[in-house]
C-alpha atoms as a PDB file:
ATOM      1  CA  UNK A   1       4.200  10.387  -8.704  1.00  0.00           C
ATOM      2  CA  UNK A   2       2.206   8.846 -11.533  1.00  0.00           C
ATOM      3  CA  UNK A   3       2.961   7.351 -14.927  1.00  0.00           C
ATOM      4  CA  UNK A   4       3.051   9.852 -17.768  1.00  0.00           C
ATOM      5  CA  UNK A   5       1.181   7.334 -19.940  1.00  0.00           C
ATOM      6  CA  UNK A   6      -0.354   3.917 -19.258  1.00  0.00           C
ATOM      7  CA  UNK A   7      -0.733   1.537 -22.213  1.00  0.00           C
ATOM      8  CA  UNK A   8      -3.483  -1.099 -22.302  1.00  0.00           C
ATOM      9  CA  UNK A   9      -4.560  -3.522 -24.995  1.00  0.00           C
ATOM     10  CA  UNK A  10      -4.730  -7.176 -25.968  1.00  0.00           C
ATOM     11  CA  UNK A  11      -1.785  -9.487 -26.565  1.00  0.00           C
ATOM     12  CA  UNK A  12      -0.152  -8.554 -29.855  1.00  0.00           C
ATOM     13  CA  UNK A  13      -1.207  -4.881 -29.749  1.00  0.00           C
ATOM     14  CA  UNK A  14       2.423  -3.798 -29.306  1.00  0.00           C
ATOM     15  CA  UNK A  15       2.336  -2.447 -25.754  1.00  0.00           C
ATOM     16  CA  UNK A  16       5.953  -3.379 -24.972  1.00  0.00           C
ATOM     17  CA  UNK A  17       7.379  -2.359 -28.356  1.00  0.00           C
ATOM     18  CA  UNK A  18       5.431   0.902 -28.551  1.00  0.00           C
ATOM     19  CA  UNK A  19       5.932   1.630 -24.846  1.00  0.00           C
ATOM     20  CA  UNK A  20       9.684   1.208 -25.070  1.00  0.00           C
ATOM     21  CA  UNK A  21       9.891   3.498 -28.108  1.00  0.00           C
ATOM     22  CA  UNK A  22       7.543   6.093 -26.586  1.00  0.00           C
ATOM     23  CA  UNK A  23       9.562   6.194 -23.357  1.00  0.00           C
ATOM     24  CA  UNK A  24      12.768   6.543 -25.358  1.00  0.00           C
ATOM     25  CA  UNK A  25      11.340   9.470 -27.334  1.00  0.00           C
ATOM     26  CA  UNK A  26      10.065  11.181 -24.172  1.00  0.00           C
ATOM     27  CA  UNK A  27      13.328  10.574 -22.317  1.00  0.00           C
ATOM     28  CA  UNK A  28      11.624   8.665 -19.503  1.00  0.00           C
ATOM     29  CA  UNK A  29      11.674   5.116 -18.149  1.00  0.00           C
ATOM     30  CA  UNK A  30       9.550   2.234 -19.429  1.00  0.00           C
ATOM     31  CA  UNK A  31       7.990  -0.354 -17.117  1.00  0.00           C
ATOM     32  CA  UNK A  32       5.965  -3.434 -18.027  1.00  0.00           C
ATOM     33  CA  UNK A  33       3.819  -4.966 -15.284  1.00  0.00           C
ATOM     34  CA  UNK A  34       4.317  -8.474 -16.700  1.00  0.00           C
ATOM     35  CA  UNK A  35       8.090  -8.074 -16.278  1.00  0.00           C
ATOM     36  CA  UNK A  36       7.517  -6.608 -12.804  1.00  0.00           C
ATOM     37  CA  UNK A  37       5.395  -9.626 -11.817  1.00  0.00           C
ATOM     38  CA  UNK A  38       8.084 -12.039 -12.996  1.00  0.00           C
ATOM     39  CA  UNK A  39      10.740 -10.094 -11.085  1.00  0.00           C
ATOM     40  CA  UNK A  40       8.660 -10.050  -7.890  1.00  0.00           C
ATOM     41  CA  UNK A  41       7.663 -13.724  -8.151  1.00  0.00           C
ATOM     42  CA  UNK A  42      11.070 -14.954  -9.288  1.00  0.00           C
ATOM     43  CA  UNK A  43       9.443 -17.145 -11.955  1.00  0.00           C
ATOM     44  CA  UNK A  44       7.881 -16.691 -15.382  1.00  0.00           C
ATOM     45  CA  UNK A  45       4.218 -15.917 -15.869  1.00  0.00           C
ATOM     46  CA  UNK A  46       3.544 -19.321 -17.486  1.00  0.00           C
ATOM     47  CA  UNK A  47       5.110 -20.945 -14.408  1.00  0.00           C
ATOM     48  CA  UNK A  48       2.861 -18.894 -12.115  1.00  0.00           C
ATOM     49  CA  UNK A  49      -0.178 -20.107 -14.078  1.00  0.00           C
ATOM     50  CA  UNK A  50       0.989 -23.733 -13.999  1.00  0.00           C
ATOM     51  CA  UNK A  51       2.087 -23.841 -10.371  1.00  0.00           C
ATOM     52  CA  UNK A  52      -0.438 -21.494  -8.740  1.00  0.00           C
ATOM     53  CA  UNK A  53      -3.245 -20.863 -11.241  1.00  0.00           C
ATOM     54  CA  UNK A  54      -4.759 -17.802 -12.846  1.00  0.00           C
ATOM     55  CA  UNK A  55      -6.289 -16.534  -9.591  1.00  0.00           C
ATOM     56  CA  UNK A  56      -2.838 -16.218  -7.972  1.00  0.00           C
ATOM     57  CA  UNK A  57      -1.462 -14.562 -11.095  1.00  0.00           C
ATOM     58  CA  UNK A  58      -4.297 -12.011 -11.093  1.00  0.00           C
ATOM     59  CA  UNK A  59      -3.606 -11.191  -7.422  1.00  0.00           C
ATOM     60  CA  UNK A  60       0.070 -10.604  -8.238  1.00  0.00           C
ATOM     61  CA  UNK A  61      -0.956  -8.538 -11.248  1.00  0.00           C
ATOM     62  CA  UNK A  62      -3.299  -6.355  -9.156  1.00  0.00           C
ATOM     63  CA  UNK A  63      -0.448  -5.714  -6.665  1.00  0.00           C
ATOM     64  CA  UNK A  64       2.015  -4.915  -9.446  1.00  0.00           C
ATOM     65  CA  UNK A  65      -0.343  -2.516 -11.224  1.00  0.00           C
ATOM     66  CA  UNK A  66      -1.172  -0.736  -7.975  1.00  0.00           C
ATOM     67  CA  UNK A  67       2.510  -0.346  -7.056  1.00  0.00           C
ATOM     68  CA  UNK A  68       3.530   0.808 -10.537  1.00  0.00           C
ATOM     69  CA  UNK A  69       0.693   3.348 -10.738  1.00  0.00           C
ATOM     70  CA  UNK A  70       1.902   4.806  -7.442  1.00  0.00           C
ATOM     71  CA  UNK A  71       5.674   4.612  -7.985  1.00  0.00           C
ATOM     72  CA  UNK A  72       6.471   4.794 -11.712  1.00  0.00           C
ATOM     73  CA  UNK A  73       6.575   8.147 -13.501  1.00  0.00           C
ATOM     74  CA  UNK A  74       7.395   6.997 -17.029  1.00  0.00           C
ATOM     75  CA  UNK A  75       5.519   4.923 -19.589  1.00  0.00           C
ATOM     76  CA  UNK A  76       3.744   1.922 -18.067  1.00  0.00           C
ATOM     77  CA  UNK A  77       2.432  -1.066 -20.046  1.00  0.00           C
ATOM     78  CA  UNK A  78      -0.155  -3.288 -18.368  1.00  0.00           C
ATOM     79  CA  UNK A  79      -0.668  -6.954 -19.114  1.00  0.00           C
ATOM     80  CA  UNK A  80      -3.560  -7.619 -21.458  1.00  0.00           C
ATOM     81  CA  UNK A  81      -5.865  -8.918 -18.729  1.00  0.00           C
ATOM     82  CA  UNK A  82      -5.170  -6.286 -16.070  1.00  0.00           C
ATOM     83  CA  UNK A  83      -8.327  -4.362 -17.008  1.00  0.00           C
ATOM     84  CA  UNK A  84     -10.452  -7.349 -15.967  1.00  0.00           C
ATOM     85  CA  UNK A  85      -9.993  -6.240 -12.352  1.00  0.00           C
ATOM     86  CA  UNK A  86     -12.523  -3.619 -11.179  1.00  0.00           C
ATOM     87  CA  UNK A  87     -10.026  -2.060  -8.723  1.00  0.00           C
ATOM     88  CA  UNK A  88      -7.509  -1.631 -11.525  1.00  0.00           C
ATOM     89  CA  UNK A  89     -10.092  -0.048 -13.823  1.00  0.00           C
ATOM     90  CA  UNK A  90     -11.076   2.342 -11.042  1.00  0.00           C
ATOM     91  CA  UNK A  91      -7.424   3.274 -10.380  1.00  0.00           C
ATOM     92  CA  UNK A  92      -6.850   3.925 -14.090  1.00  0.00           C
ATOM     93  CA  UNK A  93      -9.537   6.652 -14.110  1.00  0.00           C
ATOM     94  CA  UNK A  94      -6.956   8.986 -12.576  1.00  0.00           C
ATOM     95  CA  UNK A  95      -4.329   8.400 -15.290  1.00  0.00           C
ATOM     96  CA  UNK A  96      -3.695   9.076 -18.975  1.00  0.00           C
ATOM     97  CA  UNK A  97      -4.478   5.727 -20.576  1.00  0.00           C
ATOM     98  CA  UNK A  98      -3.821   4.841 -24.204  1.00  0.00           C
ATOM     99  CA  UNK A  99      -5.706   1.833 -25.565  1.00  0.00           C
ATOM    100  CA  UNK A 100      -3.666   0.195 -28.296  1.00  0.00           C
ATOM    101  CA  UNK A 101      -6.237  -1.587 -30.414  1.00  0.00           C
ATOM    102  CA  UNK A 102      -5.329  -4.175 -33.002  1.00  0.00           C
ATOM    103  CA  UNK A 103      -7.165  -6.271 -35.570  1.00  0.00           C
ATOM    104  CA  UNK A 104      -7.202 -10.025 -34.972  1.00  0.00           C
ATOM    105  CA  UNK A 105      -5.111 -10.774 -38.081  1.00  0.00           C
ATOM    106  CA  UNK A 106      -2.313  -8.436 -36.966  1.00  0.00           C
ATOM    107  CA  UNK A 107      -2.446  -9.649 -33.349  1.00  0.00           C
ATOM    108  CA  UNK A 108      -2.280 -13.274 -34.482  1.00  0.00           C
ATOM    109  CA  UNK A 109       0.810 -12.567 -36.602  1.00  0.00           C
ATOM    110  CA  UNK A 110       2.519 -10.806 -33.701  1.00  0.00           C
ATOM    111  CA  UNK A 111       1.593 -13.336 -31.025  1.00  0.00           C
ATOM    112  CA  UNK A 112       1.940 -16.366 -33.289  1.00  0.00           C
ATOM    113  CA  UNK A 113       1.673 -19.631 -31.464  1.00  0.00           C
ATOM    114  CA  UNK A 114       3.638 -18.447 -28.469  1.00  0.00           C
ATOM    115  CA  UNK A 115       3.464 -21.103 -25.758  1.00  0.00           C
ATOM    116  CA  UNK A 116       4.532 -18.490 -23.183  1.00  0.00           C
ATOM    117  CA  UNK A 117       0.987 -17.116 -23.233  1.00  0.00           C
ATOM    118  CA  UNK A 118      -0.983 -19.489 -20.998  1.00  0.00           C
ATOM    119  CA  UNK A 119      -4.408 -18.113 -21.877  1.00  0.00           C
ATOM    120  CA  UNK A 120      -3.802 -18.813 -25.562  1.00  0.00           C
ATOM    121  CA  UNK A 121      -3.097 -22.523 -25.285  1.00  0.00           C
ATOM    122  CA  UNK A 122      -5.198 -24.867 -27.395  1.00  0.00           C
ATOM    123  CA  UNK A 123      -6.472 -22.866 -30.353  1.00  0.00           C
ATOM    124  CA  UNK A 124      -4.514 -19.589 -30.056  1.00  0.00           C
ATOM    125  CA  UNK A 125      -6.440 -17.746 -32.780  1.00  0.00           C
ATOM    126  CA  UNK A 126      -9.853 -18.602 -31.307  1.00  0.00           C
ATOM    127  CA  UNK A 127      -8.647 -17.871 -27.758  1.00  0.00           C
ATOM    128  CA  UNK A 128      -7.199 -14.512 -28.807  1.00  0.00           C
ATOM    129  CA  UNK A 129     -10.407 -13.610 -30.639  1.00  0.00           C
ATOM    130  CA  UNK A 130     -12.476 -14.432 -27.528  1.00  0.00           C
ATOM    131  CA  UNK A 131     -10.127 -12.456 -25.246  1.00  0.00           C
ATOM    132  CA  UNK A 132     -10.223  -9.442 -27.544  1.00  0.00           C
ATOM    133  CA  UNK A 133     -14.031  -9.483 -27.738  1.00  0.00           C
ATOM    134  CA  UNK A 134     -14.404  -9.892 -23.978  1.00  0.00           C
ATOM    135  CA  UNK A 135     -11.906  -7.188 -23.028  1.00  0.00           C
ATOM    136  CA  UNK A 136     -12.518  -4.547 -25.737  1.00  0.00           C
ATOM    137  CA  UNK A 137     -15.296  -2.763 -23.768  1.00  0.00           C
ATOM    138  CA  UNK A 138     -13.035  -2.634 -20.697  1.00  0.00           C
ATOM    139  CA  UNK A 139     -10.113  -1.189 -22.659  1.00  0.00           C
ATOM    140  CA  UNK A 140     -12.470   1.420 -24.112  1.00  0.00           C
ATOM    141  CA  UNK A 141     -13.877   2.187 -20.647  1.00  0.00           C
ATOM    142  CA  UNK A 142     -10.474   3.101 -19.179  1.00  0.00           C
ATOM    143  CA  UNK A 143      -8.999   4.771 -22.271  1.00  0.00           C
ATOM    144  CA  UNK A 144      -8.265   8.458 -22.497  1.00  0.00           C
ATOM    145  CA  UNK A 145      -7.132   7.906 -26.101  1.00  0.00           C
ATOM    146  CA  UNK A 146      -7.420   4.957 -28.511  1.00  0.00           C
ATOM    147  CA  UNK A 147      -4.825   4.292 -31.194  1.00  0.00           C
ATOM    148  CA  UNK A 148      -4.952   1.418 -33.667  1.00  0.00           C
ATOM    149  CA  UNK A 149      -1.663  -0.393 -34.232  1.00  0.00           C
ATOM    150  CA  UNK A 150      -2.892  -2.505 -37.153  1.00  0.00           C
ATOM    151  CA  UNK A 151      -0.854  -2.092 -40.304  1.00  0.00           C
ATOM    152  CA  UNK A 152       1.385   0.534 -38.698  1.00  0.00           C
ATOM    153  CA  UNK A 153       5.016   0.623 -37.683  1.00  0.00           C
ATOM    154  CA  UNK A 154       5.839   1.267 -34.022  1.00  0.00           C
ATOM    155  CA  UNK A 155       7.130   4.729 -35.025  1.00  0.00           C
ATOM    156  CA  UNK A 156       3.802   5.586 -36.661  1.00  0.00           C
ATOM    157  CA  UNK A 157       1.908   4.469 -33.555  1.00  0.00           C
ATOM    158  CA  UNK A 158       4.152   6.545 -31.282  1.00  0.00           C
ATOM    159  CA  UNK A 159       3.673   9.550 -33.592  1.00  0.00           C
ATOM    160  CA  UNK A 160      -0.121   9.163 -33.195  1.00  0.00           C
ATOM    161  CA  UNK A 161       0.141   8.839 -29.413  1.00  0.00           C
ATOM    162  CA  UNK A 162       2.331  11.926 -29.146  1.00  0.00           C
ATOM    163  CA  UNK A 163      -0.066  13.912 -31.349  1.00  0.00           C
ATOM    164  CA  UNK A 164      -3.108  12.741 -29.369  1.00  0.00           C
ATOM    165  CA  UNK A 165      -1.518  13.640 -26.032  1.00  0.00           C
ATOM    166  CA  UNK A 166      -0.119  17.017 -27.118  1.00  0.00           C
END
């Protein structure tokens, strides 16, 4: 069993929105590793960061990604930082991975000043810009296909994904 499609990309790229719509169109289940982590931990991701730190969150994330890659056969969205882990990047080489890219202006509008994103505290725009720059090469490394979500509706993005994977 393996996911039909794995979505990666920075915060604000639309992984959850696009993933949900793509799964609906394909008639398969959608899973988000961030939601899986919260379910497994019994607390929110910001609470994991506050109470246990980023290192503990990344360990939980690695476990969640590994389990979902082995057990989920629908559309799987990974948290924005999951590609930072070398084991995760290696595991993704055996899957169809769609990198949802997004321009900073669009990502900033979508993410806003969401305090539920612990890595964006302080100056969210500057933090998001730094995260996007740091992670872009890793998203590109694991991607089978890249699709920009900037200036597009979720339906348009799903249309592009379906066309690219046909």
